[in-house]
Amino acid sequence: AEAVEVAGTTLAEVLTALRDEIRVLSADHQELRREVEELKAAQQ
């Protein structure tokens, strides 16, 4: 029940921000992989 603080921010806020950043990076990664697949298909 105790809030852990990291540089004035609660641990829950830090973890939420990290989760959101991972989701954005994952989406970017998937988009790049799709583009690579499209480029490969275009070169065939």
ModelCIF file with pLDDT and N, C-alpha, C, O atoms, coordinates in Angstrom:
data_MODEL
#
_entry.id   MODEL 
#
_entity.id                         1 
_entity.type                       polymer 
_entity.pdbx_number_of_molecules   1 
#
_entity_poly.entity_id                      1 
_entity_poly.type                           'polypeptide(L)' 
_entity_poly.nstd_linkage                   no 
_entity_poly.nstd_monomer                   no 
_entity_poly.pdbx_seq_one_letter_code       AEAVEVAGTTLAEVLTALRDEIRVLSADHQELRREVEELKAAQQ 
_entity_poly.pdbx_seq_one_letter_code_can   AEAVEVAGTTLAEVLTALRDEIRVLSADHQELRREVEELKAAQQ 
_entity_poly.pdbx_strand_id                 A 
#
loop_
_entity_poly_seq.entity_id 
_entity_poly_seq.num 
_entity_poly_seq.mon_id 
_entity_poly_seq.hetero 
1 1  ALA n 
1 2  GLU n 
1 3  ALA n 
1 4  VAL n 
1 5  GLU n 
1 6  VAL n 
1 7  ALA n 
1 8  GLY n 
1 9  THR n 
1 10 THR n 
1 11 LEU n 
1 12 ALA n 
1 13 GLU n 
1 14 VAL n 
1 15 LEU n 
1 16 THR n 
1 17 ALA n 
1 18 LEU n 
1 19 ARG n 
1 20 ASP n 
1 21 GLU n 
1 22 ILE n 
1 23 ARG n 
1 24 VAL n 
1 25 LEU n 
1 26 SER n 
1 27 ALA n 
1 28 ASP n 
1 29 HIS n 
1 30 GLN n 
1 31 GLU n 
1 32 LEU n 
1 33 ARG n 
1 34 ARG n 
1 35 GLU n 
1 36 VAL n 
1 37 GLU n 
1 38 GLU n 
1 39 LEU n 
1 40 LYS n 
1 41 ALA n 
1 42 ALA n 
1 43 GLN n 
1 44 GLN n 
#
_struct_asym.id          A 
_struct_asym.entity_id   1 
#
loop_
_ma_qa_metric.id 
_ma_qa_metric.mode 
_ma_qa_metric.name 
_ma_qa_metric.software_group_id 
_ma_qa_metric.type 
1 global pLDDT . pLDDT 
2 local  pLDDT . pLDDT 
#
_ma_qa_metric_global.metric_id      1 
_ma_qa_metric_global.metric_value   76.27 
_ma_qa_metric_global.model_id       1 
_ma_qa_metric_global.ordinal_id     1 
#
loop_
_ma_qa_metric_local.label_asym_id 
_ma_qa_metric_local.label_comp_id 
_ma_qa_metric_local.label_seq_id 
_ma_qa_metric_local.metric_id 
_ma_qa_metric_local.metric_value 
_ma_qa_metric_local.model_id 
_ma_qa_metric_local.ordinal_id 
A ALA 1  2 39.00 1 1  
A GLU 2  2 43.00 1 2  
A ALA 3  2 47.00 1 3  
A VAL 4  2 48.00 1 4  
A GLU 5  2 49.00 1 5  
A VAL 6  2 46.00 1 6  
A ALA 7  2 51.00 1 7  
A GLY 8  2 58.00 1 8  
A THR 9  2 64.00 1 9  
A THR 10 2 76.00 1 10 
A LEU 11 2 77.00 1 11 
A ALA 12 2 76.00 1 12 
A GLU 13 2 76.00 1 13 
A VAL 14 2 76.00 1 14 
A LEU 15 2 78.00 1 15 
A THR 16 2 78.00 1 16 
A ALA 17 2 77.00 1 17 
A LEU 18 2 81.00 1 18 
A ARG 19 2 80.00 1 19 
A ASP 20 2 78.00 1 20 
A GLU 21 2 81.00 1 21 
A ILE 22 2 84.00 1 22 
A ARG 23 2 81.00 1 23 
A VAL 24 2 80.00 1 24 
A LEU 25 2 84.00 1 25 
A SER 26 2 83.00 1 26 
A ALA 27 2 81.00 1 27 
A ASP 28 2 84.00 1 28 
A HIS 29 2 86.00 1 29 
A GLN 30 2 84.00 1 30 
A GLU 31 2 85.00 1 31 
A LEU 32 2 89.00 1 32 
A ARG 33 2 88.00 1 33 
A ARG 34 2 87.00 1 34 
A GLU 35 2 90.00 1 35 
A VAL 36 2 90.00 1 36 
A GLU 37 2 88.00 1 37 
A GLU 38 2 89.00 1 38 
A LEU 39 2 90.00 1 39 
A LYS 40 2 88.00 1 40 
A ALA 41 2 87.00 1 41 
A ALA 42 2 88.00 1 42 
A GLN 43 2 88.00 1 43 
A GLN 44 2 83.00 1 44 
#
loop_
_atom_site.group_PDB 
_atom_site.id 
_atom_site.type_symbol 
_atom_site.label_atom_id 
_atom_site.label_alt_id 
_atom_site.label_comp_id 
_atom_site.label_asym_id 
_atom_site.label_entity_id 
_atom_site.label_seq_id 
_atom_site.pdbx_PDB_ins_code 
_atom_site.Cartn_x 
_atom_site.Cartn_y 
_atom_site.Cartn_z 
_atom_site.occupancy 
_atom_site.B_iso_or_equiv 
_atom_site.pdbx_formal_charge 
_atom_site.auth_seq_id 
_atom_site.auth_comp_id 
_atom_site.auth_asym_id 
_atom_site.auth_atom_id 
_atom_site.pdbx_PDB_model_num 
ATOM 1   N N  . ALA A 1 1  ? 0.819  -1.212  0.000   1.00 39.00 ? 1  ALA A N  1 
ATOM 2   C CA . ALA A 1 1  ? 0.000  0.000   0.000   1.00 39.00 ? 1  ALA A CA 1 
ATOM 3   C C  . ALA A 1 1  ? 0.854  1.264   0.000   1.00 39.00 ? 1  ALA A C  1 
ATOM 4   O O  . ALA A 1 1  ? 0.365  2.351   -0.307  1.00 39.00 ? 1  ALA A O  1 
ATOM 5   N N  . GLU A 1 2  ? 2.120  1.117   0.342   1.00 43.00 ? 2  GLU A N  1 
ATOM 6   C CA . GLU A 1 2  ? 3.025  2.263   0.450   1.00 43.00 ? 2  GLU A CA 1 
ATOM 7   C C  . GLU A 1 2  ? 3.507  2.671   -0.941  1.00 43.00 ? 2  GLU A C  1 
ATOM 8   O O  . GLU A 1 2  ? 3.890  1.812   -1.736  1.00 43.00 ? 2  GLU A O  1 
ATOM 9   N N  . ALA A 1 3  ? 3.492  3.963   -1.242  1.00 47.00 ? 3  ALA A N  1 
ATOM 10  C CA . ALA A 1 3  ? 3.966  4.448   -2.541  1.00 47.00 ? 3  ALA A CA 1 
ATOM 11  C C  . ALA A 1 3  ? 5.473  4.607   -2.493  1.00 47.00 ? 3  ALA A C  1 
ATOM 12  O O  . ALA A 1 3  ? 6.007  5.284   -1.615  1.00 47.00 ? 3  ALA A O  1 
ATOM 13  N N  . VAL A 1 4  ? 6.156  3.980   -3.437  1.00 48.00 ? 4  VAL A N  1 
ATOM 14  C CA . VAL A 1 4  ? 7.600  4.099   -3.531  1.00 48.00 ? 4  VAL A CA 1 
ATOM 15  C C  . VAL A 1 4  ? 7.891  5.277   -4.442  1.00 48.00 ? 4  VAL A C  1 
ATOM 16  O O  . VAL A 1 4  ? 7.336  5.360   -5.538  1.00 48.00 ? 4  VAL A O  1 
ATOM 17  N N  . GLU A 1 5  ? 8.755  6.195   -4.009  1.00 49.00 ? 5  GLU A N  1 
ATOM 18  C CA . GLU A 1 5  ? 9.057  7.363   -4.822  1.00 49.00 ? 5  GLU A CA 1 
ATOM 19  C C  . GLU A 1 5  ? 10.432 7.241   -5.458  1.00 49.00 ? 5  GLU A C  1 
ATOM 20  O O  . GLU A 1 5  ? 11.403 6.847   -4.813  1.00 49.00 ? 5  GLU A O  1 
ATOM 21  N N  . VAL A 1 6  ? 10.493 7.591   -6.744  1.00 46.00 ? 6  VAL A N  1 
ATOM 22  C CA . VAL A 1 6  ? 11.737 7.614   -7.492  1.00 46.00 ? 6  VAL A CA 1 
ATOM 23  C C  . VAL A 1 6  ? 11.845 9.015   -8.081  1.00 46.00 ? 6  VAL A C  1 
ATOM 24  O O  . VAL A 1 6  ? 11.099 9.371   -8.992  1.00 46.00 ? 6  VAL A O  1 
ATOM 25  N N  . ALA A 1 7  ? 12.780 9.809   -7.555  1.00 51.00 ? 7  ALA A N  1 
ATOM 26  C CA . ALA A 1 7  ? 12.998 11.184  -8.008  1.00 51.00 ? 7  ALA A CA 1 
ATOM 27  C C  . ALA A 1 7  ? 11.687 11.980  -8.038  1.00 51.00 ? 7  ALA A C  1 
ATOM 28  O O  . ALA A 1 7  ? 11.400 12.680  -9.009  1.00 51.00 ? 7  ALA A O  1 
ATOM 29  N N  . GLY A 1 8  ? 10.896 11.866  -6.962  1.00 58.00 ? 8  GLY A N  1 
ATOM 30  C CA . GLY A 1 8  ? 9.658  12.627  -6.856  1.00 58.00 ? 8  GLY A CA 1 
ATOM 31  C C  . GLY A 1 8  ? 8.486  12.022  -7.608  1.00 58.00 ? 8  GLY A C  1 
ATOM 32  O O  . GLY A 1 8  ? 7.395  12.594  -7.607  1.00 58.00 ? 8  GLY A O  1 
ATOM 33  N N  . THR A 1 9  ? 8.683  10.889  -8.246  1.00 64.00 ? 9  THR A N  1 
ATOM 34  C CA . THR A 1 9  ? 7.619  10.228  -8.993  1.00 64.00 ? 9  THR A CA 1 
ATOM 35  C C  . THR A 1 9  ? 7.370  8.870   -8.367  1.00 64.00 ? 9  THR A C  1 
ATOM 36  O O  . THR A 1 9  ? 8.314  8.179   -7.983  1.00 64.00 ? 9  THR A O  1 
ATOM 37  N N  . THR A 1 10 ? 6.107  8.481   -8.260  1.00 76.00 ? 10 THR A N  1 
ATOM 38  C CA . THR A 1 10 ? 5.817  7.175   -7.672  1.00 76.00 ? 10 THR A CA 1 
ATOM 39  C C  . THR A 1 10 ? 6.257  6.077   -8.629  1.00 76.00 ? 10 THR A C  1 
ATOM 40  O O  . THR A 1 10 ? 6.332  6.283   -9.840  1.00 76.00 ? 10 THR A O  1 
ATOM 41  N N  . LEU A 1 11 ? 6.540  4.932   -8.080  1.00 77.00 ? 11 LEU A N  1 
ATOM 42  C CA . LEU A 1 11 ? 6.969  3.786   -8.882  1.00 77.00 ? 11 LEU A CA 1 
ATOM 43  C C  . LEU A 1 11 ? 5.886  3.412   -9.894  1.00 77.00 ? 11 LEU A C  1 
ATOM 44  O O  . LEU A 1 11 ? 6.192  3.037   -11.026 1.00 77.00 ? 11 LEU A O  1 
ATOM 45  N N  . ALA A 1 12 ? 4.638  3.514   -9.489  1.00 76.00 ? 12 ALA A N  1 
ATOM 46  C CA . ALA A 1 12 ? 3.542  3.186   -10.407 1.00 76.00 ? 12 ALA A CA 1 
ATOM 47  C C  . ALA A 1 12 ? 3.564  4.109   -11.630 1.00 76.00 ? 12 ALA A C  1 
ATOM 48  O O  . ALA A 1 12 ? 3.331  3.658   -12.751 1.00 76.00 ? 12 ALA A O  1 
ATOM 49  N N  . GLU A 1 13 ? 3.845  5.401   -11.414 1.00 76.00 ? 13 GLU A N  1 
ATOM 50  C CA . GLU A 1 13 ? 3.912  6.342   -12.539 1.00 76.00 ? 13 GLU A CA 1 
ATOM 51  C C  . GLU A 1 13 ? 5.085  6.014   -13.456 1.00 76.00 ? 13 GLU A C  1 
ATOM 52  O O  . GLU A 1 13 ? 4.965  6.086   -14.679 1.00 76.00 ? 13 GLU A O  1 
ATOM 53  N N  . VAL A 1 14 ? 6.214  5.656   -12.860 1.00 76.00 ? 14 VAL A N  1 
ATOM 54  C CA . VAL A 1 14 ? 7.393  5.296   -13.652 1.00 76.00 ? 14 VAL A CA 1 
ATOM 55  C C  . VAL A 1 14 ? 7.100  4.047   -14.478 1.00 76.00 ? 14 VAL A C  1 
ATOM 56  O O  . VAL A 1 14 ? 7.413  3.996   -15.668 1.00 76.00 ? 14 VAL A O  1 
ATOM 57  N N  . LEU A 1 15 ? 6.500  3.045   -13.849 1.00 78.00 ? 15 LEU A N  1 
ATOM 58  C CA . LEU A 1 15 ? 6.195  1.800   -14.559 1.00 78.00 ? 15 LEU A CA 1 
ATOM 59  C C  . LEU A 1 15 ? 5.165  2.022   -15.662 1.00 78.00 ? 15 LEU A C  1 
ATOM 60  O O  . LEU A 1 15 ? 5.269  1.433   -16.738 1.00 78.00 ? 15 LEU A O  1 
ATOM 61  N N  . THR A 1 16 ? 4.181  2.863   -15.401 1.00 78.00 ? 16 THR A N  1 
ATOM 62  C CA . THR A 1 16 ? 3.179  3.168   -16.420 1.00 78.00 ? 16 THR A CA 1 
ATOM 63  C C  . THR A 1 16 ? 3.838  3.868   -17.609 1.00 78.00 ? 16 THR A C  1 
ATOM 64  O O  . THR A 1 16 ? 3.545  3.543   -18.759 1.00 78.00 ? 16 THR A O  1 
ATOM 65  N N  . ALA A 1 17 ? 4.718  4.819   -17.337 1.00 77.00 ? 17 ALA A N  1 
ATOM 66  C CA . ALA A 1 17 ? 5.418  5.514   -18.411 1.00 77.00 ? 17 ALA A CA 1 
ATOM 67  C C  . ALA A 1 17 ? 6.290  4.544   -19.212 1.00 77.00 ? 17 ALA A C  1 
ATOM 68  O O  . ALA A 1 17 ? 6.341  4.624   -20.439 1.00 77.00 ? 17 ALA A O  1 
ATOM 69  N N  . LEU A 1 18 ? 6.966  3.641   -18.528 1.00 81.00 ? 18 LEU A N  1 
ATOM 70  C CA . LEU A 1 18 ? 7.794  2.647   -19.219 1.00 81.00 ? 18 LEU A CA 1 
ATOM 71  C C  . LEU A 1 18 ? 6.947  1.712   -20.075 1.00 81.00 ? 18 LEU A C  1 
ATOM 72  O O  . LEU A 1 18 ? 7.316  1.392   -21.205 1.00 81.00 ? 18 LEU A O  1 
ATOM 73  N N  . ARG A 1 19 ? 5.812  1.277   -19.538 1.00 80.00 ? 19 ARG A N  1 
ATOM 74  C CA . ARG A 1 19 ? 4.918  0.409   -20.292 1.00 80.00 ? 19 ARG A CA 1 
ATOM 75  C C  . ARG A 1 19 ? 4.450  1.115   -21.555 1.00 80.00 ? 19 ARG A C  1 
ATOM 76  O O  . ARG A 1 19 ? 4.436  0.524   -22.635 1.00 80.00 ? 19 ARG A O  1 
ATOM 77  N N  . ASP A 1 20 ? 4.067  2.385   -21.420 1.00 78.00 ? 20 ASP A N  1 
ATOM 78  C CA . ASP A 1 20 ? 3.595  3.138   -22.573 1.00 78.00 ? 20 ASP A CA 1 
ATOM 79  C C  . ASP A 1 20 ? 4.702  3.301   -23.616 1.00 78.00 ? 20 ASP A C  1 
ATOM 80  O O  . ASP A 1 20 ? 4.454  3.204   -24.818 1.00 78.00 ? 20 ASP A O  1 
ATOM 81  N N  . GLU A 1 21 ? 5.920  3.547   -23.143 1.00 81.00 ? 21 GLU A N  1 
ATOM 82  C CA . GLU A 1 21 ? 7.035  3.689   -24.074 1.00 81.00 ? 21 GLU A CA 1 
ATOM 83  C C  . GLU A 1 21 ? 7.342  2.370   -24.779 1.00 81.00 ? 21 GLU A C  1 
ATOM 84  O O  . GLU A 1 21 ? 7.658  2.360   -25.969 1.00 81.00 ? 21 GLU A O  1 
ATOM 85  N N  . ILE A 1 22 ? 7.251  1.273   -24.060 1.00 84.00 ? 22 ILE A N  1 
ATOM 86  C CA . ILE A 1 22 ? 7.470  -0.047  -24.672 1.00 84.00 ? 22 ILE A CA 1 
ATOM 87  C C  . ILE A 1 22 ? 6.418  -0.304  -25.740 1.00 84.00 ? 22 ILE A C  1 
ATOM 88  O O  . ILE A 1 22 ? 6.735  -0.836  -26.803 1.00 84.00 ? 22 ILE A O  1 
ATOM 89  N N  . ARG A 1 23 ? 5.181  0.065   -25.473 1.00 81.00 ? 23 ARG A N  1 
ATOM 90  C CA . ARG A 1 23 ? 4.117  -0.132  -26.466 1.00 81.00 ? 23 ARG A CA 1 
ATOM 91  C C  . ARG A 1 23 ? 4.398  0.678   -27.727 1.00 81.00 ? 23 ARG A C  1 
ATOM 92  O O  . ARG A 1 23 ? 4.217  0.185   -28.841 1.00 81.00 ? 23 ARG A O  1 
ATOM 93  N N  . VAL A 1 24 ? 4.840  1.925   -27.551 1.00 80.00 ? 24 VAL A N  1 
ATOM 94  C CA . VAL A 1 24 ? 5.155  2.767   -28.710 1.00 80.00 ? 24 VAL A CA 1 
ATOM 95  C C  . VAL A 1 24 ? 6.317  2.167   -29.487 1.00 80.00 ? 24 VAL A C  1 
ATOM 96  O O  . VAL A 1 24 ? 6.271  2.076   -30.714 1.00 80.00 ? 24 VAL A O  1 
ATOM 97  N N  . LEU A 1 25 ? 7.356  1.761   -28.774 1.00 84.00 ? 25 LEU A N  1 
ATOM 98  C CA . LEU A 1 25 ? 8.509  1.163   -29.444 1.00 84.00 ? 25 LEU A CA 1 
ATOM 99  C C  . LEU A 1 25 ? 8.137  -0.133  -30.149 1.00 84.00 ? 25 LEU A C  1 
ATOM 100 O O  . LEU A 1 25 ? 8.625  -0.403  -31.247 1.00 84.00 ? 25 LEU A O  1 
ATOM 101 N N  . SER A 1 26 ? 7.286  -0.928  -29.538 1.00 83.00 ? 26 SER A N  1 
ATOM 102 C CA . SER A 1 26 ? 6.845  -2.177  -30.146 1.00 83.00 ? 26 SER A CA 1 
ATOM 103 C C  . SER A 1 26 ? 6.078  -1.903  -31.432 1.00 83.00 ? 26 SER A C  1 
ATOM 104 O O  . SER A 1 26 ? 6.280  -2.584  -32.438 1.00 83.00 ? 26 SER A O  1 
ATOM 105 N N  . ALA A 1 27 ? 5.199  -0.905  -31.399 1.00 81.00 ? 27 ALA A N  1 
ATOM 106 C CA . ALA A 1 27 ? 4.441  -0.541  -32.597 1.00 81.00 ? 27 ALA A CA 1 
ATOM 107 C C  . ALA A 1 27 ? 5.388  -0.037  -33.695 1.00 81.00 ? 27 ALA A C  1 
ATOM 108 O O  . ALA A 1 27 ? 5.235  -0.393  -34.863 1.00 81.00 ? 27 ALA A O  1 
ATOM 109 N N  . ASP A 1 28 ? 6.365  0.793   -33.310 1.00 84.00 ? 28 ASP A N  1 
ATOM 110 C CA . ASP A 1 28 ? 7.351  1.287   -34.281 1.00 84.00 ? 28 ASP A CA 1 
ATOM 111 C C  . ASP A 1 28 ? 8.149  0.131   -34.878 1.00 84.00 ? 28 ASP A C  1 
ATOM 112 O O  . ASP A 1 28 ? 8.409  0.092   -36.081 1.00 84.00 ? 28 ASP A O  1 
ATOM 113 N N  . HIS A 1 29 ? 8.526  -0.795  -34.027 1.00 86.00 ? 29 HIS A N  1 
ATOM 114 C CA . HIS A 1 29 ? 9.300  -1.957  -34.466 1.00 86.00 ? 29 HIS A CA 1 
ATOM 115 C C  . HIS A 1 29 ? 8.491  -2.790  -35.462 1.00 86.00 ? 29 HIS A C  1 
ATOM 116 O O  . HIS A 1 29 ? 9.010  -3.221  -36.492 1.00 86.00 ? 29 HIS A O  1 
ATOM 117 N N  . GLN A 1 30 ? 7.221  -3.008  -35.145 1.00 84.00 ? 30 GLN A N  1 
ATOM 118 C CA . GLN A 1 30 ? 6.369  -3.784  -36.047 1.00 84.00 ? 30 GLN A CA 1 
ATOM 119 C C  . GLN A 1 30 ? 6.201  -3.084  -37.391 1.00 84.00 ? 30 GLN A C  1 
ATOM 120 O O  . GLN A 1 30 ? 6.214  -3.727  -38.441 1.00 84.00 ? 30 GLN A O  1 
ATOM 121 N N  . GLU A 1 31 ? 6.042  -1.763  -37.351 1.00 85.00 ? 31 GLU A N  1 
ATOM 122 C CA . GLU A 1 31 ? 5.898  -0.996  -38.589 1.00 85.00 ? 31 GLU A CA 1 
ATOM 123 C C  . GLU A 1 31 ? 7.170  -1.102  -39.433 1.00 85.00 ? 31 GLU A C  1 
ATOM 124 O O  . GLU A 1 31 ? 7.089  -1.273  -40.649 1.00 85.00 ? 31 GLU A O  1 
ATOM 125 N N  . LEU A 1 32 ? 8.326  -1.003  -38.810 1.00 89.00 ? 32 LEU A N  1 
ATOM 126 C CA . LEU A 1 32 ? 9.591  -1.135  -39.542 1.00 89.00 ? 32 LEU A CA 1 
ATOM 127 C C  . LEU A 1 32 ? 9.739  -2.532  -40.144 1.00 89.00 ? 32 LEU A C  1 
ATOM 128 O O  . LEU A 1 32 ? 10.211 -2.677  -41.271 1.00 89.00 ? 32 LEU A O  1 
ATOM 129 N N  . ARG A 1 33 ? 9.339  -3.544  -39.403 1.00 88.00 ? 33 ARG A N  1 
ATOM 130 C CA . ARG A 1 33 ? 9.418  -4.912  -39.933 1.00 88.00 ? 33 ARG A CA 1 
ATOM 131 C C  . ARG A 1 33 ? 8.496  -5.071  -41.140 1.00 88.00 ? 33 ARG A C  1 
ATOM 132 O O  . ARG A 1 33 ? 8.852  -5.729  -42.117 1.00 88.00 ? 33 ARG A O  1 
ATOM 133 N N  . ARG A 1 34 ? 7.305  -4.463  -41.069 1.00 87.00 ? 34 ARG A N  1 
ATOM 134 C CA . ARG A 1 34 ? 6.384  -4.520  -42.212 1.00 87.00 ? 34 ARG A CA 1 
ATOM 135 C C  . ARG A 1 34 ? 7.008  -3.837  -43.425 1.00 87.00 ? 34 ARG A C  1 
ATOM 136 O O  . ARG A 1 34 ? 6.923  -4.355  -44.539 1.00 87.00 ? 34 ARG A O  1 
ATOM 137 N N  . GLU A 1 35 ? 7.632  -2.684  -43.219 1.00 90.00 ? 35 GLU A N  1 
ATOM 138 C CA . GLU A 1 35 ? 8.265  -1.966  -44.325 1.00 90.00 ? 35 GLU A CA 1 
ATOM 139 C C  . GLU A 1 35 ? 9.386  -2.795  -44.947 1.00 90.00 ? 35 GLU A C  1 
ATOM 140 O O  . GLU A 1 35 ? 9.534  -2.836  -46.168 1.00 90.00 ? 35 GLU A O  1 
ATOM 141 N N  . VAL A 1 36 ? 10.173 -3.453  -44.099 1.00 90.00 ? 36 VAL A N  1 
ATOM 142 C CA . VAL A 1 36 ? 11.253 -4.309  -44.604 1.00 90.00 ? 36 VAL A CA 1 
ATOM 143 C C  . VAL A 1 36 ? 10.670 -5.450  -45.433 1.00 90.00 ? 36 VAL A C  1 
ATOM 144 O O  . VAL A 1 36 ? 11.185 -5.766  -46.505 1.00 90.00 ? 36 VAL A O  1 
ATOM 145 N N  . GLU A 1 37 ? 9.597  -6.068  -44.940 1.00 88.00 ? 37 GLU A N  1 
ATOM 146 C CA . GLU A 1 37 ? 8.958  -7.159  -45.683 1.00 88.00 ? 37 GLU A CA 1 
ATOM 147 C C  . GLU A 1 37 ? 8.440  -6.659  -47.037 1.00 88.00 ? 37 GLU A C  1 
ATOM 148 O O  . GLU A 1 37 ? 8.578  -7.345  -48.050 1.00 88.00 ? 37 GLU A O  1 
ATOM 149 N N  . GLU A 1 38 ? 7.843  -5.458  -47.048 1.00 89.00 ? 38 GLU A N  1 
ATOM 150 C CA . GLU A 1 38 ? 7.348  -4.892  -48.299 1.00 89.00 ? 38 GLU A CA 1 
ATOM 151 C C  . GLU A 1 38 ? 8.499  -4.616  -49.272 1.00 89.00 ? 38 GLU A C  1 
ATOM 152 O O  . GLU A 1 38 ? 8.377  -4.876  -50.470 1.00 89.00 ? 38 GLU A O  1 
ATOM 153 N N  . LEU A 1 39 ? 9.605  -4.094  -48.760 1.00 90.00 ? 39 LEU A N  1 
ATOM 154 C CA . LEU A 1 39 ? 10.764 -3.826  -49.614 1.00 90.00 ? 39 LEU A CA 1 
ATOM 155 C C  . LEU A 1 39 ? 11.337 -5.130  -50.182 1.00 90.00 ? 39 LEU A C  1 
ATOM 156 O O  . LEU A 1 39 ? 11.700 -5.197  -51.356 1.00 90.00 ? 39 LEU A O  1 
ATOM 157 N N  . LYS A 1 40 ? 11.412 -6.152  -49.345 1.00 88.00 ? 40 LYS A N  1 
ATOM 158 C CA . LYS A 1 40 ? 11.885 -7.451  -49.823 1.00 88.00 ? 40 LYS A CA 1 
ATOM 159 C C  . LYS A 1 40 ? 10.977 -8.006  -50.909 1.00 88.00 ? 40 LYS A C  1 
ATOM 160 O O  . LYS A 1 40 ? 11.438 -8.525  -51.926 1.00 88.00 ? 40 LYS A O  1 
ATOM 161 N N  . ALA A 1 41 ? 9.669  -7.884  -50.670 1.00 87.00 ? 41 ALA A N  1 
ATOM 162 C CA . ALA A 1 41 ? 8.708  -8.390  -51.666 1.00 87.00 ? 41 ALA A CA 1 
ATOM 163 C C  . ALA A 1 41 ? 8.816  -7.604  -52.974 1.00 87.00 ? 41 ALA A C  1 
ATOM 164 O O  . ALA A 1 41 ? 8.678  -8.175  -54.056 1.00 87.00 ? 41 ALA A O  1 
ATOM 165 N N  . ALA A 1 42 ? 9.062  -6.296  -52.876 1.00 88.00 ? 42 ALA A N  1 
ATOM 166 C CA . ALA A 1 42 ? 9.191  -5.465  -54.073 1.00 88.00 ? 42 ALA A CA 1 
ATOM 167 C C  . ALA A 1 42 ? 10.455 -5.813  -54.873 1.00 88.00 ? 42 ALA A C  1 
ATOM 168 O O  . ALA A 1 42 ? 10.479 -5.653  -56.094 1.00 88.00 ? 42 ALA A O  1 
ATOM 169 N N  . GLN A 1 43 ? 11.495 -6.285  -54.194 1.00 88.00 ? 43 GLN A N  1 
ATOM 170 C CA . GLN A 1 43 ? 12.753 -6.618  -54.861 1.00 88.00 ? 43 GLN A CA 1 
ATOM 171 C C  . GLN A 1 43 ? 12.736 -8.005  -55.484 1.00 88.00 ? 43 GLN A C  1 
ATOM 172 O O  . GLN A 1 43 ? 13.586 -8.326  -56.314 1.00 88.00 ? 43 GLN A O  1 
ATOM 173 N N  . GLN A 1 44 ? 11.772 -8.827  -55.087 1.00 83.00 ? 44 GLN A N  1 
ATOM 174 C CA . GLN A 1 44 ? 11.671 -10.192 -55.647 1.00 83.00 ? 44 GLN A CA 1 
ATOM 175 C C  . GLN A 1 44 ? 11.304 -10.106 -57.126 1.00 83.00 ? 44 GLN A C  1 
ATOM 176 O O  . GLN A 1 44 ? 11.169 -11.134 -57.789 1.00 83.00 ? 44 GLN A O  1 
#
